[in-house]
Amino acid sequence: MKKSHNFWLKAWYGNSAWIYLLLPLSWLFALISALRKFILVHFLQKKISIPVIIVGNISVGGTGKTPLIIELVKYLQNHGHKPGVVSRGYGGTAPNYPYLLNEKSLASEAGDEPLLIQRTTQCFVCVAPDRVAAAKKLEEQGCTIILSDDGMQHYALGRALEVAVVDGQRLFGNQQLLPVGPLREPVSRLKSVDFIVINNPVSKEFLSGYHHLHCMKVQPLAWRKVASWQECSLTEIDFKSPIHAVAGIGNPERFFKTLDGLSLNYYAHCFPDHHKFSADDFADYRADTIVMTEKDAVKCQAFAKSEWYSLVVGAQLNEYFWQAFQHKLDSL
């Protein structure tokens, strides 16, 4: 992982006092953000003819949005909807925008998360810096409802529902706005969303403060051979040492803790979020076993070896969430 990334995480989630010297920059960020939001919401926001569900967060870093989006897409598909997903496509450079993913799309074009969503659900996924243009593209494909990946602060796109995802382990650090803290928007922003989904909660105090909060657990489901994209059960693979665990996600410790729960002994290797992997990144591992996240696997399939596996995970939510979600859908 890049030293600069670790540097900021330690400051935000530790007890660093020096970071508060940057408060004037944080105040400036708050002022500019508030002004931008006011202009976009009141004068420039565009709505399309089908409902848009925002799935995002208020903090920097991974919170578990992608597994949740995949579960929401599957639920909508199973209940007669034709969902589509819009995304910025961070980490990819598409040949054109808005770019509609297809079976030949690459992570280098679409970004890792959009490609994973499309492969897992087979729904329409469109990436573009302009999410309004991407949403209109999906509307043209016959989609009946749209989910916007990480679109909480993209106020140019109107929305019918907002779902905020919170990392239940890290929460909000020092609860300060960038660059003093990890927040894009203040914690009070959560009071205006329709659902708060907290990933693997550990703080009972936080749970008691919000009536529209739901708990989510991201559970391991299977192993997938990266090269062939073939799934295997969790107990089917007899891993041979040494095992190298690779994570290029926003919160790699979550992945490593999951591996601990599977009783794997491994060497941990952290890379920056959305890292553009190449075969050179794995040159020192030789013919050793490598396990990685699904998000990383979509970028490594072209050069993956037979002993490379990704961990398939799924978001689990209780029936109370799905009842509340369906009730909101019925009211749209």
Protein backbone atom coordinates (compact mmCIF):
# COMPACT_ATOMS: atom_id res chain seq x y z
CA MET A 1 0.00 0.00 0.00
CA LYS A 2 1.27 3.46 -0.77
CA LYS A 3 2.90 5.14 2.21
CA SER A 4 0.87 8.32 1.63
CA HIS A 5 -2.38 6.35 1.89
CA ASN A 6 -1.31 4.74 5.16
CA PHE A 7 -0.16 8.12 6.42
CA TRP A 8 -3.61 9.69 6.07
CA LEU A 9 -5.47 6.67 7.43
CA LYS A 10 -3.37 6.70 10.58
CA ALA A 11 -4.04 10.39 11.04
CA TRP A 12 -7.78 10.10 10.47
CA TYR A 13 -8.43 6.95 12.47
CA GLY A 14 -5.74 7.42 15.13
CA ASN A 15 -5.26 10.11 17.72
CA SER A 16 -3.06 12.45 15.70
CA ALA A 17 -3.19 16.00 17.03
CA TRP A 18 -1.17 17.63 14.25
CA ILE A 19 -3.91 16.95 11.69
CA TYR A 20 -6.03 19.70 13.25
CA LEU A 21 -3.54 22.26 11.95
CA LEU A 22 -5.32 21.70 8.63
CA LEU A 23 -8.72 22.83 9.97
CA PRO A 24 -8.80 25.98 7.79
CA LEU A 25 -8.61 23.71 4.72
CA SER A 26 -11.41 21.59 6.14
CA TRP A 27 -13.57 24.69 6.65
CA LEU A 28 -12.87 25.74 3.06
CA PHE A 29 -13.81 22.26 1.86
CA ALA A 30 -17.08 22.45 3.83
CA LEU A 31 -17.92 25.86 2.35
CA ILE A 32 -17.21 24.83 -1.24
CA SER A 33 -19.09 21.53 -0.82
CA ALA A 34 -22.15 23.22 0.66
CA LEU A 35 -22.21 25.85 -2.09
CA ARG A 36 -21.80 23.22 -4.78
CA LYS A 37 -24.60 21.10 -3.32
CA PHE A 38 -26.96 24.10 -3.11
CA ILE A 39 -26.38 25.10 -6.74
CA LEU A 40 -26.70 21.56 -8.08
CA VAL A 41 -29.80 20.60 -6.08
CA HIS A 42 -31.72 23.83 -6.62
CA PHE A 43 -30.67 24.82 -10.14
CA LEU A 44 -28.83 22.10 -12.07
CA GLN A 45 -30.13 18.75 -10.84
CA LYS A 46 -31.66 16.59 -13.56
CA LYS A 47 -34.17 13.80 -13.04
CA ILE A 48 -34.97 11.04 -15.45
CA SER A 49 -38.29 9.27 -15.93
CA ILE A 50 -37.35 6.11 -13.98
CA PRO A 51 -36.43 5.87 -10.26
CA VAL A 52 -32.78 6.29 -9.26
CA ILE A 53 -31.42 4.68 -6.09
CA ILE A 54 -28.18 6.11 -4.79
CA VAL A 55 -25.81 3.70 -3.01
CA GLY A 56 -22.90 5.58 -1.52
CA ASN A 57 -21.12 6.73 1.60
CA ILE A 58 -19.96 9.88 3.32
CA SER A 59 -16.38 8.76 3.98
CA VAL A 60 -13.29 8.01 1.93
CA GLY A 61 -12.38 4.37 1.45
CA GLY A 62 -14.18 1.06 1.09
CA THR A 63 -17.35 0.40 3.06
CA GLY A 64 -18.83 -2.61 1.24
CA LYS A 65 -20.92 -0.84 -1.38
CA THR A 66 -20.25 -3.31 -4.19
CA PRO A 67 -21.60 -6.44 -2.42
CA LEU A 68 -24.68 -4.45 -1.39
CA ILE A 69 -25.31 -3.19 -4.92
CA ILE A 70 -25.04 -6.74 -6.24
CA GLU A 71 -27.64 -7.94 -3.70
CA LEU A 72 -29.96 -5.03 -4.52
CA VAL A 73 -29.69 -5.79 -8.24
CA LYS A 74 -30.49 -9.46 -7.65
CA TYR A 75 -33.47 -8.55 -5.48
CA LEU A 76 -34.84 -6.18 -8.12
CA GLN A 77 -34.34 -8.77 -10.86
CA ASN A 78 -36.19 -11.38 -8.81
CA HIS A 79 -39.11 -8.99 -8.27
CA GLY A 80 -39.87 -8.13 -11.87
CA HIS A 81 -37.66 -5.08 -12.36
CA LYS A 82 -35.00 -4.50 -14.99
CA PRO A 83 -32.28 -2.71 -13.03
CA GLY A 84 -29.21 -0.97 -14.41
CA VAL A 85 -26.17 0.43 -12.64
CA VAL A 86 -24.34 3.68 -13.32
CA SER A 87 -20.81 4.32 -12.10
CA ARG A 88 -17.96 6.76 -12.51
CA GLY A 89 -15.80 3.85 -13.65
CA TYR A 90 -12.86 4.90 -11.54
CA GLY A 91 -9.59 3.30 -12.66
CA GLY A 92 -10.77 2.73 -16.23
CA THR A 93 -10.43 4.67 -19.48
CA ALA A 94 -13.30 3.77 -21.80
CA PRO A 95 -13.13 4.23 -25.59
CA ASN A 96 -16.16 6.54 -25.32
CA TYR A 97 -18.61 7.89 -22.74
CA PRO A 98 -21.20 6.97 -21.69
CA TYR A 99 -19.77 3.47 -22.01
CA LEU A 100 -22.13 0.50 -21.84
CA LEU A 101 -20.34 -2.62 -20.62
CA ASN A 102 -20.50 -5.84 -22.64
CA GLU A 103 -19.11 -9.37 -22.37
CA LYS A 104 -15.78 -8.24 -23.82
CA SER A 105 -15.29 -5.22 -21.56
CA LEU A 106 -12.06 -4.95 -19.58
CA ALA A 107 -11.36 -3.48 -16.15
CA SER A 108 -8.91 -1.10 -17.84
CA GLU A 109 -11.88 0.33 -19.77
CA ALA A 110 -14.74 0.16 -17.28
CA GLY A 111 -13.07 0.05 -13.87
CA ASP A 112 -12.94 -2.94 -11.53
CA GLU A 113 -16.17 -2.49 -9.57
CA PRO A 114 -18.50 -1.90 -12.57
CA LEU A 115 -17.02 -4.93 -14.35
CA LEU A 116 -17.50 -7.11 -11.27
CA ILE A 117 -21.13 -5.97 -10.92
CA GLN A 118 -21.84 -6.67 -14.60
CA ARG A 119 -20.22 -10.12 -14.51
CA THR A 120 -21.99 -11.14 -11.33
CA THR A 121 -25.51 -9.93 -12.15
CA GLN A 122 -25.55 -9.70 -15.97
CA CYS A 123 -27.46 -6.42 -15.63
CA PHE A 124 -26.82 -3.34 -17.76
CA VAL A 125 -23.92 -1.28 -16.39
CA CYS A 126 -22.93 2.09 -17.82
CA VAL A 127 -19.93 4.20 -16.80
CA ALA A 128 -19.33 7.89 -17.38
CA PRO A 129 -18.04 10.93 -15.51
CA ASP A 130 -21.50 12.39 -16.22
CA ARG A 131 -23.86 10.08 -14.33
CA VAL A 132 -26.91 11.79 -15.83
CA ALA A 133 -25.74 10.80 -19.32
CA ALA A 134 -25.05 7.26 -18.10
CA ALA A 135 -28.53 7.04 -16.55
CA LYS A 136 -30.16 8.19 -19.77
CA LYS A 137 -28.19 5.55 -21.66
CA LEU A 138 -29.59 2.85 -19.37
CA GLU A 139 -33.07 4.30 -19.78
CA GLU A 140 -32.66 3.81 -23.55
CA GLN A 141 -31.81 0.13 -22.91
CA GLY A 142 -35.21 -0.40 -21.28
CA CYS A 143 -34.10 -0.37 -17.64
CA THR A 144 -36.95 0.28 -15.23
CA ILE A 145 -34.86 1.34 -12.24
CA ILE A 146 -31.27 2.55 -11.78
CA LEU A 147 -28.74 2.17 -9.00
CA SER A 148 -25.97 4.76 -8.84
CA ASP A 149 -22.72 3.33 -7.46
CA ASP A 150 -20.98 5.75 -5.07
CA GLY A 151 -23.23 8.60 -6.17
CA MET A 152 -24.09 10.17 -2.82
CA GLN A 153 -22.29 13.43 -3.59
CA HIS A 154 -23.15 13.47 -7.32
CA TYR A 155 -26.03 15.88 -6.84
CA ALA A 156 -26.45 16.60 -10.54
CA LEU A 157 -28.41 13.32 -10.76
CA GLY A 158 -31.83 13.37 -9.11
CA ARG A 159 -32.70 10.49 -6.85
CA ALA A 160 -35.75 8.71 -5.45
CA LEU A 161 -33.92 6.83 -2.66
CA GLU A 162 -30.59 7.11 -0.91
CA VAL A 163 -28.75 4.22 0.76
CA ALA A 164 -25.66 5.13 2.78
CA VAL A 165 -23.18 2.35 3.57
CA VAL A 166 -21.05 2.61 6.72
CA ASP A 167 -17.98 0.58 7.68
CA GLY A 168 -18.98 -0.82 11.05
CA GLN A 169 -15.39 -1.31 12.13
CA ARG A 170 -13.82 2.03 11.23
CA LEU A 171 -16.97 4.20 11.33
CA PHE A 172 -15.93 7.85 10.76
CA GLY A 173 -12.52 8.18 12.39
CA ASN A 174 -12.16 11.61 13.97
CA GLN A 175 -15.49 12.65 12.37
CA GLN A 176 -13.89 15.59 10.56
CA LEU A 177 -14.24 16.65 6.93
CA LEU A 178 -11.40 16.30 4.44
CA PRO A 179 -8.48 16.80 4.74
CA VAL A 180 -8.57 16.77 8.58
CA GLY A 181 -10.73 13.65 8.60
CA PRO A 182 -12.05 11.01 6.19
CA LEU A 183 -15.50 12.56 5.65
CA ARG A 184 -16.83 13.89 2.36
CA GLU A 185 -19.91 15.17 4.17
CA PRO A 186 -20.71 15.60 7.89
CA VAL A 187 -22.17 12.69 9.87
CA SER A 188 -25.44 14.66 10.13
CA ARG A 189 -25.93 13.95 6.41
CA LEU A 190 -27.02 10.42 7.39
CA LYS A 191 -30.22 11.81 8.90
CA SER A 192 -31.48 12.72 5.43
CA VAL A 193 -30.96 9.34 3.72
CA ASP A 194 -33.63 6.65 3.42
CA PHE A 195 -31.47 3.75 4.63
CA ILE A 196 -28.21 3.41 6.52
CA VAL A 197 -26.62 0.02 6.01
CA ILE A 198 -23.79 -0.68 8.43
CA ASN A 199 -21.31 -3.33 7.36
CA ASN A 200 -20.32 -5.69 10.21
CA PRO A 201 -21.22 -3.35 13.09
CA VAL A 202 -19.17 -3.24 16.27
CA SER A 203 -20.46 -0.06 17.92
CA LYS A 204 -23.72 -0.38 19.86
CA GLU A 205 -23.67 3.34 20.60
CA PHE A 206 -23.85 4.16 16.88
CA LEU A 207 -26.61 1.60 16.32
CA SER A 208 -28.86 3.27 18.87
CA GLY A 209 -28.68 6.69 17.25
CA TYR A 210 -30.54 6.02 13.99
CA HIS A 211 -34.00 4.53 13.50
CA HIS A 212 -33.52 3.79 9.80
CA LEU A 213 -30.34 1.75 10.23
CA HIS A 214 -29.89 -1.84 9.07
CA CYS A 215 -27.05 -4.29 9.61
CA MET A 216 -25.26 -6.12 6.81
CA LYS A 217 -22.76 -8.95 6.97
CA VAL A 218 -20.47 -9.72 4.07
CA GLN A 219 -19.90 -13.47 4.17
CA PRO A 220 -17.57 -15.71 2.14
CA LEU A 221 -19.54 -17.94 -0.24
CA ALA A 222 -17.05 -19.74 -2.48
CA TRP A 223 -13.64 -19.70 -4.14
CA ARG A 224 -13.26 -18.81 -7.79
CA LYS A 225 -10.36 -19.82 -10.02
CA VAL A 226 -9.22 -16.50 -11.43
CA ALA A 227 -7.99 -17.84 -14.78
CA SER A 228 -11.10 -19.86 -15.68
CA TRP A 229 -13.63 -17.94 -13.55
CA GLN A 230 -14.91 -21.29 -12.29
CA GLU A 231 -16.43 -21.42 -8.79
CA CYS A 232 -15.47 -24.00 -6.16
CA SER A 233 -16.90 -24.57 -2.71
CA LEU A 234 -15.08 -23.16 0.31
CA THR A 235 -14.07 -26.66 1.38
CA GLU A 236 -13.14 -28.00 -2.05
CA ILE A 237 -9.71 -26.40 -2.38
CA ASP A 238 -6.74 -27.83 -0.52
CA PHE A 239 -4.43 -24.83 -0.47
CA LYS A 240 -0.71 -25.49 -0.60
CA SER A 241 1.77 -23.29 1.23
CA PRO A 242 3.01 -20.70 0.83
CA ILE A 243 -0.16 -18.67 0.34
CA HIS A 244 -0.04 -15.02 -0.64
CA ALA A 245 -3.12 -12.89 0.08
CA VAL A 246 -3.47 -9.83 -2.15
CA ALA A 247 -5.85 -6.93 -1.54
CA GLY A 248 -6.11 -3.73 -3.55
CA ILE A 249 -9.29 -2.41 -1.93
CA GLY A 250 -10.28 0.50 0.29
CA ASN A 251 -10.10 -1.51 3.52
CA PRO A 252 -7.81 -4.51 2.98
CA GLU A 253 -7.92 -5.49 6.66
CA ARG A 254 -11.52 -6.60 6.20
CA PHE A 255 -10.40 -9.10 3.55
CA PHE A 256 -7.59 -10.41 5.72
CA LYS A 257 -9.92 -10.86 8.71
CA THR A 258 -12.22 -12.90 6.49
CA LEU A 259 -9.29 -15.13 5.55
CA ASP A 260 -8.48 -15.49 9.25
CA GLY A 261 -12.04 -16.73 9.76
CA LEU A 262 -11.36 -19.38 7.12
CA SER A 263 -8.26 -20.49 9.07
CA LEU A 264 -5.83 -19.64 6.26
CA ASN A 265 -2.18 -18.96 6.98
CA TYR A 266 -0.88 -16.43 4.49
CA TYR A 267 1.50 -13.57 3.71
CA ALA A 268 -0.51 -10.35 3.43
CA HIS A 269 0.17 -7.96 0.53
CA CYS A 270 -1.62 -4.59 0.43
CA PHE A 271 -1.97 -2.51 -2.71
CA PRO A 272 -3.70 0.86 -3.21
CA ASP A 273 -7.42 0.82 -3.91
CA HIS A 274 -8.13 0.34 -7.66
CA HIS A 275 -4.48 -0.65 -8.26
CA LYS A 276 -3.81 -1.52 -11.90
CA PHE A 277 -2.28 -4.95 -11.52
CA SER A 278 0.21 -6.44 -13.94
CA ALA A 279 2.08 -9.75 -14.00
CA ASP A 280 5.13 -7.92 -12.64
CA ASP A 281 3.31 -7.35 -9.33
CA PHE A 282 3.40 -11.11 -8.75
CA ALA A 283 6.86 -11.91 -10.09
CA ASP A 284 8.26 -12.78 -6.66
CA TYR A 285 5.43 -15.24 -5.89
CA ARG A 286 6.52 -17.66 -8.62
CA ALA A 287 4.21 -20.69 -8.68
CA ASP A 288 2.84 -20.09 -5.20
CA THR A 289 -0.86 -20.02 -4.32
CA ILE A 290 -2.42 -16.56 -4.47
CA VAL A 291 -5.79 -15.55 -3.05
CA MET A 292 -7.35 -12.16 -3.73
CA THR A 293 -10.59 -10.20 -3.72
CA GLU A 294 -13.08 -10.43 -6.57
CA LYS A 295 -12.46 -6.79 -7.39
CA ASP A 296 -8.77 -7.53 -7.88
CA ALA A 297 -9.45 -10.74 -9.80
CA VAL A 298 -11.23 -9.03 -12.69
CA LYS A 299 -7.99 -7.13 -13.35
CA CYS A 300 -5.76 -10.21 -13.14
CA GLN A 301 -7.62 -12.82 -15.16
CA ALA A 302 -5.63 -12.26 -18.36
CA PHE A 303 -2.33 -13.30 -16.73
CA ALA A 304 -3.57 -15.43 -13.81
CA LYS A 305 -2.02 -18.83 -13.12
CA SER A 306 -3.81 -22.03 -12.17
CA GLU A 307 -3.19 -21.59 -8.42
CA TRP A 308 -4.77 -18.14 -8.21
CA TYR A 309 -8.14 -17.85 -6.49
CA SER A 310 -10.54 -15.07 -5.58
CA LEU A 311 -12.91 -15.15 -2.65
CA VAL A 312 -16.57 -14.83 -3.64
CA VAL A 313 -18.53 -12.93 -0.99
CA GLY A 314 -22.17 -11.99 -0.56
CA ALA A 315 -24.00 -9.34 1.44
CA GLN A 316 -26.56 -10.69 3.90
CA LEU A 317 -29.39 -8.48 5.18
CA ASN A 318 -32.32 -9.47 7.34
CA GLU A 319 -35.96 -9.68 6.28
CA TYR A 320 -36.77 -6.42 8.03
CA PHE A 321 -34.51 -4.54 5.58
CA TRP A 322 -36.07 -6.16 2.53
CA GLN A 323 -39.58 -5.41 3.80
CA ALA A 324 -38.66 -1.77 4.37
CA PHE A 325 -36.92 -1.60 0.98
CA GLN A 326 -39.95 -3.07 -0.79
CA HIS A 327 -42.23 -0.63 1.02
CA LYS A 328 -40.11 2.26 -0.32
CA LEU A 329 -40.20 0.79 -3.82
CA ASP A 330 -43.98 0.53 -3.70
CA SER A 331 -44.23 4.22 -2.82
CA LEU A 332 -42.14 5.43 -5.78
